C-alpha cells in the first residue's frame, strides 16, 4: 500500500486549501455516527418530550443539517459545497450500559455531486446534533458524554469507497 500524502500542505509545508479545479464531479455520499450517553432519567425525559427547551431530537436534527451546511465556516480548509441531501436520524438505546447510561446514536448521511467529498459535513452534522442534545439537556444532566464519533462510510471520488471496520 502506498503511503498517503497529506494534501493540505503546500510545497513550503504551509497549510492550504486543496485545489479541486481539475477534479471531476462525481456523486459523493458520506455517513457518520456518534453517540450521546446520559442518565436514564435524561433519556426518559427526552423520549417523553419533557425537556423545558422543547423537542430535543427535532431541534438536534435541524441543528445537524445546519452543521453540515456550515462546515466550511468551522473547518478552515473545507470547501464550500453545494449539498444535495442531508439526513440526520437517531437510534435510541433505552437499556443502561455497564456504566448505567442510556444513549442516543446519531447518524448523518450527506450527499453531493461535485469535485470533493462530504465526510467533514457528515461528521459536523453528527457533532453539532450531539452538542445540541447536550445544550438542551445540560440543566438536568451536565455529565452527558459523547463517544464513538466517526466516519462509517463514504463513496465517490478518486479514492472510491470506504467502509469503516470500527463498530460505531
N, C-alpha and C. Protein backbone atom coordinates (compact mmCIF):
# COMPACT_ATOMS: atom_id res chain seq x y z
N UNK A 1 0.84 -1.19 0.00
CA UNK A 1 0.00 0.00 0.00
C UNK A 1 0.88 1.24 0.00
N UNK A 2 0.58 2.16 -0.89
CA UNK A 2 1.36 3.39 -1.00
C UNK A 2 1.08 4.29 0.20
N UNK A 3 2.10 5.03 0.59
CA UNK A 3 1.96 5.98 1.69
C UNK A 3 1.07 7.14 1.25
N UNK A 4 0.07 7.46 2.05
CA UNK A 4 -0.86 8.54 1.73
C UNK A 4 -0.15 9.88 1.87
N UNK A 5 -0.42 10.79 0.94
CA UNK A 5 0.13 12.13 1.02
C UNK A 5 -0.82 13.04 1.76
N UNK A 6 -0.26 13.96 2.51
CA UNK A 6 -1.07 14.99 3.16
C UNK A 6 -1.26 16.11 2.16
N UNK A 7 -2.48 16.31 1.73
CA UNK A 7 -2.74 17.26 0.65
C UNK A 7 -3.01 18.68 1.11
N UNK A 8 -3.11 18.90 2.40
CA UNK A 8 -3.44 20.23 2.89
C UNK A 8 -2.20 21.07 3.22
N UNK A 9 -1.06 20.70 2.62
CA UNK A 9 0.16 21.47 2.82
C UNK A 9 0.77 21.80 1.46
N UNK A 10 1.26 23.03 1.32
CA UNK A 10 1.90 23.41 0.07
C UNK A 10 3.36 22.94 0.07
N UNK A 11 4.11 23.28 -0.97
CA UNK A 11 5.49 22.81 -1.08
C UNK A 11 6.39 23.36 0.02
N UNK A 12 5.98 24.45 0.65
CA UNK A 12 6.76 25.01 1.76
C UNK A 12 6.32 24.44 3.12
N UNK A 13 5.34 23.55 3.09
CA UNK A 13 4.87 22.95 4.33
C UNK A 13 3.81 23.77 5.05
N UNK A 14 3.28 24.78 4.38
CA UNK A 14 2.25 25.62 4.99
C UNK A 14 0.86 25.10 4.63
N UNK A 15 -0.08 25.31 5.53
CA UNK A 15 -1.46 24.86 5.31
C UNK A 15 -2.05 25.57 4.10
N UNK A 16 -2.89 24.82 3.36
CA UNK A 16 -3.56 25.39 2.19
C UNK A 16 -4.86 24.64 1.97
N UNK A 17 -5.76 25.28 1.24
CA UNK A 17 -6.96 24.61 0.78
C UNK A 17 -6.59 23.88 -0.51
N UNK A 18 -6.94 22.62 -0.59
CA UNK A 18 -6.61 21.82 -1.76
C UNK A 18 -7.32 22.38 -2.99
N UNK A 19 -6.61 22.44 -4.10
CA UNK A 19 -7.17 22.92 -5.36
C UNK A 19 -7.89 21.75 -6.03
N UNK A 20 -9.22 21.84 -6.16
CA UNK A 20 -10.01 20.76 -6.77
C UNK A 20 -10.47 21.13 -8.18
N UNK A 21 -9.86 22.16 -8.75
CA UNK A 21 -10.27 22.65 -10.07
C UNK A 21 -10.30 21.56 -11.12
N UNK A 22 -9.31 20.70 -11.15
CA UNK A 22 -9.19 19.68 -12.19
C UNK A 22 -9.91 18.38 -11.85
N UNK A 23 -10.49 18.27 -10.67
CA UNK A 23 -11.17 17.04 -10.28
C UNK A 23 -12.55 16.96 -10.93
N UNK A 24 -12.92 15.74 -11.28
CA UNK A 24 -14.23 15.53 -11.92
C UNK A 24 -15.34 15.52 -10.89
N UNK A 25 -16.49 16.00 -11.32
CA UNK A 25 -17.68 15.90 -10.47
C UNK A 25 -18.14 14.45 -10.43
N UNK A 26 -18.34 13.93 -9.23
CA UNK A 26 -18.92 12.61 -9.07
C UNK A 26 -19.95 12.69 -7.95
N UNK A 27 -20.85 11.72 -7.92
CA UNK A 27 -21.82 11.63 -6.83
C UNK A 27 -21.04 11.15 -5.61
N UNK A 28 -21.19 11.85 -4.52
CA UNK A 28 -20.45 11.53 -3.29
C UNK A 28 -21.42 11.46 -2.13
N UNK A 29 -21.20 10.46 -1.29
CA UNK A 29 -22.03 10.25 -0.11
C UNK A 29 -21.11 9.91 1.05
N UNK A 30 -21.45 10.43 2.23
CA UNK A 30 -20.73 10.07 3.45
C UNK A 30 -21.74 9.84 4.56
N UNK A 31 -21.45 8.84 5.38
CA UNK A 31 -22.28 8.52 6.54
C UNK A 31 -21.38 8.56 7.77
N UNK A 32 -21.81 9.28 8.79
CA UNK A 32 -21.08 9.36 10.06
C UNK A 32 -22.03 9.05 11.20
N UNK A 33 -21.46 8.59 12.30
CA UNK A 33 -22.25 8.30 13.50
C UNK A 33 -21.53 8.83 14.73
N UNK A 34 -22.31 9.01 15.77
CA UNK A 34 -21.79 9.38 17.08
C UNK A 34 -22.85 9.10 18.12
N UNK A 35 -22.45 8.94 19.36
CA UNK A 35 -23.39 8.58 20.42
C UNK A 35 -23.29 9.55 21.58
N UNK A 36 -24.44 9.89 22.13
CA UNK A 36 -24.53 10.71 23.34
C UNK A 36 -24.98 9.79 24.48
N UNK A 37 -24.22 9.77 25.56
CA UNK A 37 -24.53 8.95 26.73
C UNK A 37 -25.09 9.86 27.83
N UNK A 38 -26.12 9.37 28.53
CA UNK A 38 -26.80 10.20 29.52
C UNK A 38 -27.43 9.34 30.61
N UNK A 39 -27.84 10.01 31.67
CA UNK A 39 -28.55 9.33 32.75
C UNK A 39 -29.90 8.81 32.23
N UNK A 40 -30.36 7.68 32.75
CA UNK A 40 -31.67 7.15 32.32
C UNK A 40 -32.80 8.17 32.46
N UNK A 41 -32.78 8.98 33.51
CA UNK A 41 -33.82 9.99 33.70
C UNK A 41 -33.80 11.01 32.56
N UNK A 42 -32.62 11.41 32.11
CA UNK A 42 -32.49 12.35 31.00
C UNK A 42 -33.05 11.73 29.73
N UNK A 43 -32.66 10.49 29.47
CA UNK A 43 -33.15 9.77 28.29
C UNK A 43 -34.68 9.72 28.29
N UNK A 44 -35.25 9.35 29.44
CA UNK A 44 -36.71 9.23 29.56
C UNK A 44 -37.40 10.57 29.30
N UNK A 45 -36.82 11.63 29.84
CA UNK A 45 -37.43 12.95 29.64
C UNK A 45 -37.35 13.39 28.17
N UNK A 46 -36.26 13.03 27.49
CA UNK A 46 -36.16 13.34 26.05
C UNK A 46 -37.25 12.60 25.29
N UNK A 47 -37.35 11.30 25.54
CA UNK A 47 -38.32 10.45 24.84
C UNK A 47 -39.75 10.91 25.10
N UNK A 48 -40.04 11.31 26.32
CA UNK A 48 -41.39 11.74 26.69
C UNK A 48 -41.68 13.20 26.36
N UNK A 49 -40.71 13.91 25.80
CA UNK A 49 -40.91 15.31 25.45
C UNK A 49 -41.02 16.21 26.67
N UNK A 50 -40.28 15.88 27.73
CA UNK A 50 -40.37 16.62 28.98
C UNK A 50 -39.16 17.51 29.26
N UNK A 51 -38.48 17.95 28.22
CA UNK A 51 -37.36 18.87 28.38
C UNK A 51 -37.90 20.28 28.15
N UNK A 52 -37.63 21.18 29.08
CA UNK A 52 -38.26 22.50 29.04
C UNK A 52 -37.90 23.32 27.80
N UNK A 53 -36.77 23.05 27.18
CA UNK A 53 -36.37 23.81 25.99
C UNK A 53 -37.09 23.34 24.73
N UNK A 54 -37.81 22.20 24.80
CA UNK A 54 -38.56 21.75 23.63
C UNK A 54 -38.22 20.34 23.20
N UNK A 55 -38.60 19.99 21.98
CA UNK A 55 -38.40 18.67 21.41
C UNK A 55 -36.92 18.51 21.05
N UNK A 56 -36.19 17.83 21.90
CA UNK A 56 -34.74 17.73 21.79
C UNK A 56 -34.31 17.14 20.44
N UNK A 57 -34.90 16.03 20.05
CA UNK A 57 -34.45 15.36 18.83
C UNK A 57 -34.84 16.13 17.57
N UNK A 58 -35.98 16.80 17.60
CA UNK A 58 -36.37 17.62 16.44
C UNK A 58 -35.39 18.78 16.27
N UNK A 59 -35.04 19.42 17.37
CA UNK A 59 -34.10 20.55 17.30
C UNK A 59 -32.72 20.05 16.90
N UNK A 60 -32.29 18.91 17.47
CA UNK A 60 -30.97 18.35 17.15
C UNK A 60 -30.88 17.95 15.68
N UNK A 61 -31.98 17.48 15.11
CA UNK A 61 -32.00 17.12 13.68
C UNK A 61 -31.76 18.36 12.83
N UNK A 62 -32.47 19.43 13.11
CA UNK A 62 -32.28 20.68 12.36
C UNK A 62 -30.87 21.21 12.57
N UNK A 63 -30.38 21.16 13.80
CA UNK A 63 -29.02 21.63 14.09
C UNK A 63 -27.99 20.82 13.31
N UNK A 64 -28.20 19.50 13.20
CA UNK A 64 -27.28 18.66 12.44
C UNK A 64 -27.25 19.05 10.97
N UNK A 65 -28.41 19.30 10.40
CA UNK A 65 -28.48 19.74 8.99
C UNK A 65 -27.74 21.07 8.84
N UNK A 66 -28.00 21.99 9.75
CA UNK A 66 -27.32 23.29 9.69
C UNK A 66 -25.81 23.14 9.87
N UNK A 67 -25.40 22.23 10.76
CA UNK A 67 -23.97 21.97 10.97
C UNK A 67 -23.30 21.50 9.69
N UNK A 68 -23.97 20.59 8.97
CA UNK A 68 -23.41 20.12 7.70
C UNK A 68 -23.25 21.28 6.72
N UNK A 69 -24.27 22.12 6.64
CA UNK A 69 -24.26 23.24 5.70
C UNK A 69 -23.20 24.29 6.05
N UNK A 70 -22.85 24.40 7.33
CA UNK A 70 -21.92 25.44 7.78
C UNK A 70 -20.49 24.92 7.99
N UNK A 71 -20.21 23.71 7.58
CA UNK A 71 -18.89 23.10 7.81
C UNK A 71 -17.73 23.98 7.36
N UNK A 72 -17.75 24.59 6.17
CA UNK A 72 -16.59 25.40 5.79
C UNK A 72 -16.41 26.66 6.64
N UNK A 73 -17.43 27.04 7.39
CA UNK A 73 -17.29 28.17 8.31
C UNK A 73 -16.58 27.74 9.60
N UNK A 74 -16.57 26.44 9.86
CA UNK A 74 -15.98 25.91 11.10
C UNK A 74 -14.61 25.28 10.90
N UNK A 75 -14.42 24.62 9.78
CA UNK A 75 -13.19 23.90 9.49
C UNK A 75 -12.45 24.67 8.39
N UNK A 76 -11.32 25.29 8.71
CA UNK A 76 -10.70 26.26 7.80
C UNK A 76 -10.40 25.78 6.39
N UNK A 77 -10.00 24.55 6.18
CA UNK A 77 -9.60 24.12 4.85
C UNK A 77 -10.70 23.39 4.07
N UNK A 78 -11.91 23.38 4.59
CA UNK A 78 -13.03 22.74 3.89
C UNK A 78 -13.58 23.67 2.81
N UNK A 79 -13.92 23.06 1.67
CA UNK A 79 -14.52 23.81 0.57
C UNK A 79 -16.01 24.05 0.85
N UNK A 80 -16.53 25.19 0.43
CA UNK A 80 -17.98 25.36 0.44
C UNK A 80 -18.56 24.41 -0.61
N UNK A 81 -19.48 23.58 -0.21
CA UNK A 81 -20.01 22.55 -1.10
C UNK A 81 -21.52 22.73 -1.22
N UNK A 82 -22.03 22.56 -2.44
CA UNK A 82 -23.47 22.54 -2.64
C UNK A 82 -23.97 21.15 -2.24
N UNK A 83 -24.55 21.07 -1.07
CA UNK A 83 -25.06 19.78 -0.59
C UNK A 83 -26.39 19.50 -1.27
N UNK A 84 -26.55 18.27 -1.73
CA UNK A 84 -27.80 17.90 -2.39
C UNK A 84 -28.72 17.12 -1.46
N UNK A 85 -28.20 16.70 -0.32
CA UNK A 85 -29.03 16.00 0.66
C UNK A 85 -28.32 15.86 1.98
N UNK A 86 -29.07 16.07 3.06
CA UNK A 86 -28.57 15.84 4.42
C UNK A 86 -29.70 15.19 5.21
N UNK A 87 -29.42 14.05 5.81
CA UNK A 87 -30.40 13.38 6.65
C UNK A 87 -29.76 13.06 7.99
N UNK A 88 -30.44 13.40 9.05
CA UNK A 88 -29.97 13.10 10.41
C UNK A 88 -31.04 12.25 11.08
N UNK A 89 -30.62 11.12 11.62
CA UNK A 89 -31.57 10.24 12.31
C UNK A 89 -30.99 9.80 13.65
N UNK A 90 -31.86 9.23 14.47
CA UNK A 90 -31.48 8.86 15.83
C UNK A 90 -31.90 7.42 16.12
N UNK A 91 -31.04 6.71 16.84
CA UNK A 91 -31.37 5.38 17.35
C UNK A 91 -31.31 5.48 18.86
N UNK A 92 -32.38 5.08 19.51
CA UNK A 92 -32.45 5.16 20.97
C UNK A 92 -31.99 3.85 21.61
N UNK A 93 -31.23 3.99 22.67
CA UNK A 93 -30.74 2.84 23.44
C UNK A 93 -31.23 3.00 24.88
N UNK A 94 -32.46 2.52 25.17
CA UNK A 94 -33.07 2.76 26.48
C UNK A 94 -32.51 1.91 27.61
N UNK A 95 -31.84 0.81 27.30
CA UNK A 95 -31.28 -0.05 28.34
C UNK A 95 -29.93 0.51 28.78
N UNK A 96 -29.77 0.81 30.07
CA UNK A 96 -28.50 1.35 30.53
C UNK A 96 -27.33 0.40 30.25
N UNK A 97 -26.19 0.97 29.88
CA UNK A 97 -24.98 0.18 29.65
C UNK A 97 -24.32 -0.17 30.98
N UNK A 98 -23.11 -0.73 30.92
CA UNK A 98 -22.39 -1.16 32.13
C UNK A 98 -22.08 0.00 33.07
N UNK A 99 -22.12 1.23 32.58
CA UNK A 99 -21.88 2.41 33.41
C UNK A 99 -23.18 3.06 33.86
N UNK A 100 -24.31 2.41 33.56
CA UNK A 100 -25.61 2.93 33.96
C UNK A 100 -26.15 4.03 33.08
N UNK A 101 -25.61 4.18 31.88
CA UNK A 101 -26.02 5.26 30.98
C UNK A 101 -26.87 4.72 29.83
N UNK A 102 -27.89 5.46 29.50
CA UNK A 102 -28.66 5.22 28.28
C UNK A 102 -27.98 6.03 27.18
N UNK A 103 -28.40 5.83 25.94
CA UNK A 103 -27.71 6.51 24.84
C UNK A 103 -28.64 6.80 23.68
N UNK A 104 -28.22 7.77 22.90
CA UNK A 104 -28.85 8.08 21.62
C UNK A 104 -27.73 8.14 20.59
N UNK A 105 -27.85 7.31 19.55
CA UNK A 105 -26.87 7.33 18.47
C UNK A 105 -27.41 8.19 17.34
N UNK A 106 -26.57 9.07 16.86
CA UNK A 106 -26.89 9.99 15.78
C UNK A 106 -26.24 9.46 14.50
N UNK A 107 -27.01 9.39 13.43
CA UNK A 107 -26.47 9.02 12.12
C UNK A 107 -26.76 10.14 11.14
N UNK A 108 -25.72 10.59 10.45
CA UNK A 108 -25.88 11.64 9.44
C UNK A 108 -25.42 11.10 8.09
N UNK A 109 -26.26 11.31 7.09
CA UNK A 109 -25.93 10.96 5.71
C UNK A 109 -25.95 12.24 4.89
N UNK A 110 -24.84 12.50 4.21
CA UNK A 110 -24.70 13.73 3.43
C UNK A 110 -24.34 13.36 1.99
N UNK A 111 -24.97 14.06 1.04
CA UNK A 111 -24.74 13.78 -0.39
C UNK A 111 -24.46 15.07 -1.16
N UNK A 112 -23.71 14.90 -2.23
CA UNK A 112 -23.45 15.98 -3.18
C UNK A 112 -23.04 15.36 -4.51
N UNK A 113 -23.02 16.18 -5.54
CA UNK A 113 -22.35 15.85 -6.79
C UNK A 113 -21.33 16.96 -6.99
N UNK A 114 -20.06 16.60 -6.96
CA UNK A 114 -19.04 17.63 -7.06
C UNK A 114 -17.64 17.06 -7.06
N UNK A 115 -16.64 17.96 -6.97
CA UNK A 115 -15.24 17.54 -7.07
C UNK A 115 -14.59 17.15 -5.75
N UNK A 116 -15.31 17.26 -4.64
CA UNK A 116 -14.71 16.91 -3.35
C UNK A 116 -15.77 16.29 -2.45
N UNK A 117 -15.31 15.50 -1.49
CA UNK A 117 -16.21 14.69 -0.67
C UNK A 117 -16.90 15.43 0.44
N UNK A 118 -17.80 14.71 1.12
CA UNK A 118 -18.64 15.30 2.16
C UNK A 118 -18.44 14.61 3.52
N UNK A 119 -17.27 14.03 3.73
CA UNK A 119 -17.01 13.39 5.02
C UNK A 119 -17.06 14.38 6.17
N UNK A 120 -16.45 15.54 5.98
CA UNK A 120 -16.42 16.53 7.06
C UNK A 120 -17.82 17.06 7.35
N UNK A 121 -18.65 17.17 6.34
CA UNK A 121 -20.02 17.64 6.53
C UNK A 121 -20.82 16.62 7.34
N UNK A 122 -20.63 15.33 7.06
CA UNK A 122 -21.34 14.30 7.83
C UNK A 122 -20.86 14.28 9.28
N UNK A 123 -19.56 14.40 9.48
CA UNK A 123 -19.02 14.44 10.84
C UNK A 123 -19.48 15.70 11.58
N UNK A 124 -19.54 16.82 10.88
CA UNK A 124 -20.03 18.06 11.50
C UNK A 124 -21.49 17.93 11.90
N UNK A 125 -22.29 17.32 11.03
CA UNK A 125 -23.72 17.14 11.34
C UNK A 125 -23.89 16.34 12.62
N UNK A 126 -23.16 15.24 12.75
CA UNK A 126 -23.25 14.40 13.95
C UNK A 126 -22.82 15.19 15.19
N UNK A 127 -21.71 15.88 15.07
CA UNK A 127 -21.17 16.60 16.22
C UNK A 127 -22.07 17.74 16.67
N UNK A 128 -22.60 18.49 15.73
CA UNK A 128 -23.49 19.60 16.09
C UNK A 128 -24.80 19.07 16.68
N UNK A 129 -25.32 17.97 16.15
CA UNK A 129 -26.52 17.36 16.73
C UNK A 129 -26.25 16.91 18.16
N UNK A 130 -25.08 16.30 18.40
CA UNK A 130 -24.72 15.86 19.76
C UNK A 130 -24.60 17.05 20.71
N UNK A 131 -23.94 18.10 20.26
CA UNK A 131 -23.81 19.30 21.09
C UNK A 131 -25.17 19.92 21.39
N UNK A 132 -26.09 19.84 20.45
CA UNK A 132 -27.44 20.38 20.66
C UNK A 132 -28.19 19.58 21.71
N UNK A 133 -28.07 18.25 21.66
CA UNK A 133 -28.68 17.42 22.70
C UNK A 133 -28.12 17.83 24.06
N UNK A 134 -26.81 17.99 24.14
CA UNK A 134 -26.18 18.40 25.40
C UNK A 134 -26.72 19.76 25.84
N UNK A 135 -26.75 20.72 24.93
CA UNK A 135 -27.20 22.06 25.27
C UNK A 135 -28.62 22.06 25.80
N UNK A 136 -29.48 21.28 25.19
CA UNK A 136 -30.89 21.29 25.58
C UNK A 136 -31.14 20.56 26.89
N UNK A 137 -30.20 19.68 27.30
CA UNK A 137 -30.42 18.86 28.50
C UNK A 137 -29.43 19.13 29.62
N UNK A 138 -28.51 20.05 29.42
CA UNK A 138 -27.45 20.26 30.42
C UNK A 138 -27.97 20.73 31.78
N UNK A 139 -29.13 21.33 31.80
CA UNK A 139 -29.68 21.79 33.08
C UNK A 139 -30.00 20.62 34.02
N UNK A 140 -30.28 19.46 33.44
CA UNK A 140 -30.61 18.30 34.28
C UNK A 140 -29.54 17.22 34.27
N UNK A 141 -28.55 17.31 33.34
CA UNK A 141 -27.53 16.26 33.24
C UNK A 141 -26.25 16.82 32.63
N UNK A 142 -25.44 17.47 33.44
CA UNK A 142 -24.18 18.03 32.95
C UNK A 142 -23.14 16.95 32.68
N UNK A 143 -23.41 15.71 33.11
CA UNK A 143 -22.47 14.62 32.93
C UNK A 143 -22.63 13.86 31.63
N UNK A 144 -23.45 14.35 30.71
CA UNK A 144 -23.58 13.67 29.41
C UNK A 144 -22.22 13.66 28.72
N UNK A 145 -21.95 12.58 28.00
CA UNK A 145 -20.70 12.46 27.26
C UNK A 145 -20.98 12.02 25.84
N UNK A 146 -19.98 12.21 24.98
CA UNK A 146 -20.06 11.80 23.58
C UNK A 146 -19.05 10.69 23.36
N UNK A 147 -19.37 9.81 22.43
CA UNK A 147 -18.42 8.75 22.13
C UNK A 147 -18.60 8.18 20.75
N UNK A 148 -17.55 7.52 20.32
CA UNK A 148 -17.56 6.79 19.05
C UNK A 148 -18.07 7.64 17.90
N UNK A 149 -17.56 8.85 17.79
CA UNK A 149 -17.89 9.70 16.65
C UNK A 149 -16.91 9.36 15.54
N UNK A 150 -17.44 9.02 14.37
CA UNK A 150 -16.54 8.69 13.28
C UNK A 150 -17.26 8.48 11.96
N UNK A 151 -16.46 8.33 10.92
CA UNK A 151 -16.97 8.08 9.58
C UNK A 151 -17.31 6.60 9.45
N UNK A 152 -18.53 6.31 9.04
CA UNK A 152 -18.98 4.93 8.83
C UNK A 152 -18.64 4.49 7.42
N UNK A 153 -18.94 5.36 6.45
CA UNK A 153 -18.67 5.00 5.05
C UNK A 153 -18.66 6.25 4.20
N UNK A 154 -18.05 6.09 3.03
CA UNK A 154 -18.08 7.16 2.03
C UNK A 154 -17.97 6.51 0.67
N UNK A 155 -18.54 7.17 -0.32
CA UNK A 155 -18.44 6.68 -1.69
C UNK A 155 -18.26 7.85 -2.63
N UNK A 156 -17.70 7.56 -3.80
CA UNK A 156 -17.48 8.58 -4.81
C UNK A 156 -16.07 9.12 -4.77
N UNK A 157 -15.69 9.75 -5.84
CA UNK A 157 -14.38 10.36 -5.93
C UNK A 157 -13.29 9.39 -6.34
N UNK A 158 -12.09 9.94 -6.49
CA UNK A 158 -10.93 9.18 -6.96
C UNK A 158 -10.55 8.05 -6.01
N UNK A 159 -10.68 8.30 -4.72
CA UNK A 159 -10.28 7.26 -3.75
C UNK A 159 -11.31 6.16 -3.59
N UNK A 160 -12.50 6.35 -4.17
CA UNK A 160 -13.51 5.29 -4.16
C UNK A 160 -14.20 5.12 -2.82
N UNK A 161 -14.68 3.91 -2.60
CA UNK A 161 -15.49 3.61 -1.42
C UNK A 161 -14.62 3.34 -0.20
N UNK A 162 -15.18 3.67 0.95
CA UNK A 162 -14.57 3.36 2.25
C UNK A 162 -15.67 2.88 3.16
N UNK A 163 -15.42 1.81 3.88
CA UNK A 163 -16.32 1.33 4.92
C UNK A 163 -15.47 1.08 6.15
N UNK A 164 -15.85 1.72 7.25
CA UNK A 164 -15.09 1.59 8.48
C UNK A 164 -15.15 0.16 9.02
N UNK A 165 -14.06 -0.30 9.56
CA UNK A 165 -14.01 -1.59 10.21
C UNK A 165 -14.31 -1.46 11.71
N UNK A 166 -14.41 -0.22 12.18
CA UNK A 166 -14.73 0.07 13.58
C UNK A 166 -16.23 -0.05 13.79
N UNK A 167 -16.63 -0.53 14.94
CA UNK A 167 -18.06 -0.54 15.27
C UNK A 167 -18.39 0.80 15.90
N UNK A 168 -19.27 1.53 15.23
CA UNK A 168 -19.65 2.85 15.76
C UNK A 168 -21.03 2.81 16.29
